[in-house]
Amino acid sequence: MKNKLKVFRAMQNLTQEELAKELGVTRQTIIAIEKDKYDPSLILAFKMANFFKSSIEDIFIYNEE
C-alpha cells in the first residue's frame, strides 16, 4: 500500500527515530513503511493518524490491485 508517511514526517520536522519513539515502534518499521515494504497494523495506522491529527486515508493510499 502506498503512503505519504515521509511527507507527513517531514512536515513535522521529525526524524525516523523520533517518529518511531512517538509511535512505540522501531526505526526499521518506519523505514519499511516509508519504502512500501510493510503495511502497518490497523492499530499502528490509527496511532499514526492520531499523531498527525489526520485520517488514515490521508496518510495511506489504498488501491485494489
N, C-alpha and C. Protein backbone atom coordinates (compact mmCIF):
# COMPACT_ATOMS: atom_id res chain seq x y z
N MET A 1 0.85 -1.17 0.00
CA MET A 1 0.00 0.00 0.00
C MET A 1 0.90 1.24 0.00
N LYS A 2 0.60 2.16 -0.87
CA LYS A 2 1.35 3.42 -0.94
C LYS A 2 0.99 4.29 0.26
N ASN A 3 1.91 5.17 0.61
CA ASN A 3 1.64 6.05 1.74
C ASN A 3 2.41 7.36 1.61
N LYS A 4 2.00 8.32 2.43
CA LYS A 4 2.64 9.64 2.46
C LYS A 4 3.31 9.88 3.81
N LEU A 5 3.73 8.82 4.45
CA LEU A 5 4.29 8.95 5.79
C LEU A 5 5.52 9.85 5.79
N LYS A 6 6.38 9.70 4.81
CA LYS A 6 7.59 10.51 4.75
C LYS A 6 7.24 12.00 4.65
N VAL A 7 6.21 12.31 3.88
CA VAL A 7 5.76 13.70 3.72
C VAL A 7 5.23 14.24 5.05
N PHE A 8 4.39 13.45 5.71
CA PHE A 8 3.83 13.87 7.00
C PHE A 8 4.95 14.05 8.02
N ARG A 9 5.91 13.15 8.03
CA ARG A 9 7.04 13.23 8.95
C ARG A 9 7.86 14.49 8.68
N ALA A 10 8.10 14.79 7.41
CA ALA A 10 8.88 15.97 7.04
C ALA A 10 8.15 17.26 7.43
N MET A 11 6.83 17.27 7.30
CA MET A 11 6.06 18.47 7.67
C MET A 11 6.19 18.78 9.16
N GLN A 12 6.40 17.73 9.96
CA GLN A 12 6.58 17.91 11.41
C GLN A 12 8.05 18.04 11.79
N ASN A 13 8.93 17.97 10.78
CA ASN A 13 10.37 18.07 11.00
C ASN A 13 10.87 17.00 11.97
N LEU A 14 10.41 15.76 11.77
CA LEU A 14 10.78 14.64 12.63
C LEU A 14 11.73 13.70 11.91
N THR A 15 12.65 13.12 12.64
CA THR A 15 13.48 12.05 12.07
C THR A 15 12.69 10.75 12.16
N GLN A 16 13.17 9.75 11.46
CA GLN A 16 12.53 8.43 11.55
C GLN A 16 12.60 7.91 12.98
N GLU A 17 13.71 8.13 13.64
CA GLU A 17 13.90 7.68 15.03
C GLU A 17 12.91 8.37 15.97
N GLU A 18 12.73 9.67 15.81
CA GLU A 18 11.80 10.41 16.66
C GLU A 18 10.37 9.92 16.48
N LEU A 19 9.98 9.72 15.22
CA LEU A 19 8.62 9.22 14.96
C LEU A 19 8.44 7.82 15.52
N ALA A 20 9.45 6.99 15.36
CA ALA A 20 9.38 5.62 15.89
C ALA A 20 9.15 5.63 17.39
N LYS A 21 9.88 6.49 18.10
CA LYS A 21 9.72 6.58 19.56
C LYS A 21 8.32 7.05 19.93
N GLU A 22 7.80 8.03 19.20
CA GLU A 22 6.45 8.54 19.47
C GLU A 22 5.39 7.45 19.29
N LEU A 23 5.61 6.57 18.32
CA LEU A 23 4.62 5.54 17.99
C LEU A 23 4.88 4.22 18.70
N GLY A 24 6.02 4.10 19.35
CA GLY A 24 6.35 2.86 20.07
C GLY A 24 6.77 1.72 19.15
N VAL A 25 7.43 2.07 18.06
CA VAL A 25 7.94 1.06 17.13
C VAL A 25 9.43 1.32 16.88
N THR A 26 10.07 0.48 16.09
CA THR A 26 11.47 0.67 15.78
C THR A 26 11.63 1.57 14.56
N ARG A 27 12.82 2.12 14.42
CA ARG A 27 13.13 2.93 13.24
C ARG A 27 13.02 2.09 11.98
N GLN A 28 13.38 0.82 12.07
CA GLN A 28 13.29 -0.09 10.92
C GLN A 28 11.85 -0.23 10.44
N THR A 29 10.91 -0.20 11.37
CA THR A 29 9.49 -0.27 10.99
C THR A 29 9.10 0.95 10.18
N ILE A 30 9.53 2.12 10.63
CA ILE A 30 9.22 3.36 9.91
C ILE A 30 9.85 3.33 8.51
N ILE A 31 11.09 2.89 8.43
CA ILE A 31 11.78 2.79 7.13
C ILE A 31 11.00 1.88 6.20
N ALA A 32 10.61 0.70 6.69
CA ALA A 32 9.89 -0.26 5.86
C ALA A 32 8.55 0.28 5.39
N ILE A 33 7.83 0.99 6.25
CA ILE A 33 6.55 1.57 5.86
C ILE A 33 6.77 2.64 4.80
N GLU A 34 7.75 3.51 5.01
CA GLU A 34 8.01 4.59 4.04
C GLU A 34 8.42 4.04 2.68
N LYS A 35 9.08 2.89 2.65
CA LYS A 35 9.52 2.30 1.39
C LYS A 35 8.47 1.35 0.79
N ASP A 36 7.27 1.34 1.37
CA ASP A 36 6.17 0.48 0.90
C ASP A 36 6.52 -1.00 0.97
N LYS A 37 7.38 -1.37 1.91
CA LYS A 37 7.77 -2.78 2.09
C LYS A 37 6.94 -3.45 3.18
N TYR A 38 6.23 -2.65 3.97
CA TYR A 38 5.48 -3.17 5.11
C TYR A 38 4.22 -2.34 5.30
N ASP A 39 3.10 -3.02 5.42
CA ASP A 39 1.84 -2.34 5.73
C ASP A 39 1.62 -2.44 7.24
N PRO A 40 1.40 -1.32 7.90
CA PRO A 40 1.23 -1.35 9.36
C PRO A 40 -0.08 -2.00 9.75
N SER A 41 -0.13 -2.44 11.00
CA SER A 41 -1.38 -2.96 11.55
C SER A 41 -2.39 -1.82 11.61
N LEU A 42 -3.63 -2.17 11.74
CA LEU A 42 -4.67 -1.15 11.84
C LEU A 42 -4.45 -0.28 13.08
N ILE A 43 -4.02 -0.88 14.16
CA ILE A 43 -3.75 -0.13 15.38
C ILE A 43 -2.63 0.90 15.15
N LEU A 44 -1.55 0.48 14.49
CA LEU A 44 -0.46 1.40 14.21
C LEU A 44 -0.90 2.50 13.24
N ALA A 45 -1.70 2.15 12.26
CA ALA A 45 -2.21 3.15 11.32
C ALA A 45 -3.04 4.20 12.05
N PHE A 46 -3.87 3.77 13.01
CA PHE A 46 -4.65 4.71 13.81
C PHE A 46 -3.75 5.58 14.67
N LYS A 47 -2.68 4.99 15.25
CA LYS A 47 -1.73 5.77 16.05
C LYS A 47 -1.10 6.86 15.20
N MET A 48 -0.73 6.51 13.97
CA MET A 48 -0.12 7.49 13.06
C MET A 48 -1.10 8.61 12.75
N ALA A 49 -2.32 8.24 12.41
CA ALA A 49 -3.34 9.23 12.08
C ALA A 49 -3.59 10.17 13.27
N ASN A 50 -3.70 9.60 14.45
CA ASN A 50 -3.91 10.43 15.65
C ASN A 50 -2.72 11.33 15.90
N PHE A 51 -1.52 10.79 15.77
CA PHE A 51 -0.31 11.58 16.00
C PHE A 51 -0.26 12.79 15.06
N PHE A 52 -0.58 12.56 13.78
CA PHE A 52 -0.52 13.63 12.79
C PHE A 52 -1.81 14.43 12.71
N LYS A 53 -2.79 14.11 13.58
CA LYS A 53 -4.10 14.79 13.58
C LYS A 53 -4.70 14.77 12.17
N SER A 54 -4.74 13.58 11.63
CA SER A 54 -5.18 13.38 10.26
C SER A 54 -6.02 12.10 10.21
N SER A 55 -6.46 11.74 9.02
CA SER A 55 -7.18 10.48 8.88
C SER A 55 -6.24 9.45 8.26
N ILE A 56 -6.57 8.20 8.45
CA ILE A 56 -5.78 7.12 7.86
C ILE A 56 -5.74 7.28 6.34
N GLU A 57 -6.86 7.68 5.75
CA GLU A 57 -6.94 7.84 4.30
C GLU A 57 -6.02 8.95 3.78
N ASP A 58 -5.72 9.93 4.63
CA ASP A 58 -4.80 10.99 4.23
C ASP A 58 -3.36 10.49 4.15
N ILE A 59 -3.03 9.53 4.99
CA ILE A 59 -1.66 9.01 5.06
C ILE A 59 -1.45 7.84 4.10
N PHE A 60 -2.44 6.95 4.04
CA PHE A 60 -2.32 5.73 3.23
C PHE A 60 -3.24 5.77 2.02
N ILE A 61 -2.71 5.31 0.89
CA ILE A 61 -3.45 5.30 -0.36
C ILE A 61 -3.77 3.86 -0.73
N TYR A 62 -5.04 3.53 -0.68
CA TYR A 62 -5.47 2.17 -0.99
C TYR A 62 -5.75 2.02 -2.47
N ASN A 63 -5.20 0.95 -3.05
CA ASN A 63 -5.54 0.62 -4.44
C ASN A 63 -5.87 -0.87 -4.50
N GLU A 64 -6.89 -1.21 -5.26
CA GLU A 64 -7.39 -2.59 -5.32
C GLU A 64 -6.68 -3.42 -6.37
N GLU A 65 -5.42 -3.64 -6.21
CA GLU A 65 -4.68 -4.45 -7.18
C GLU A 65 -4.43 -5.83 -6.64
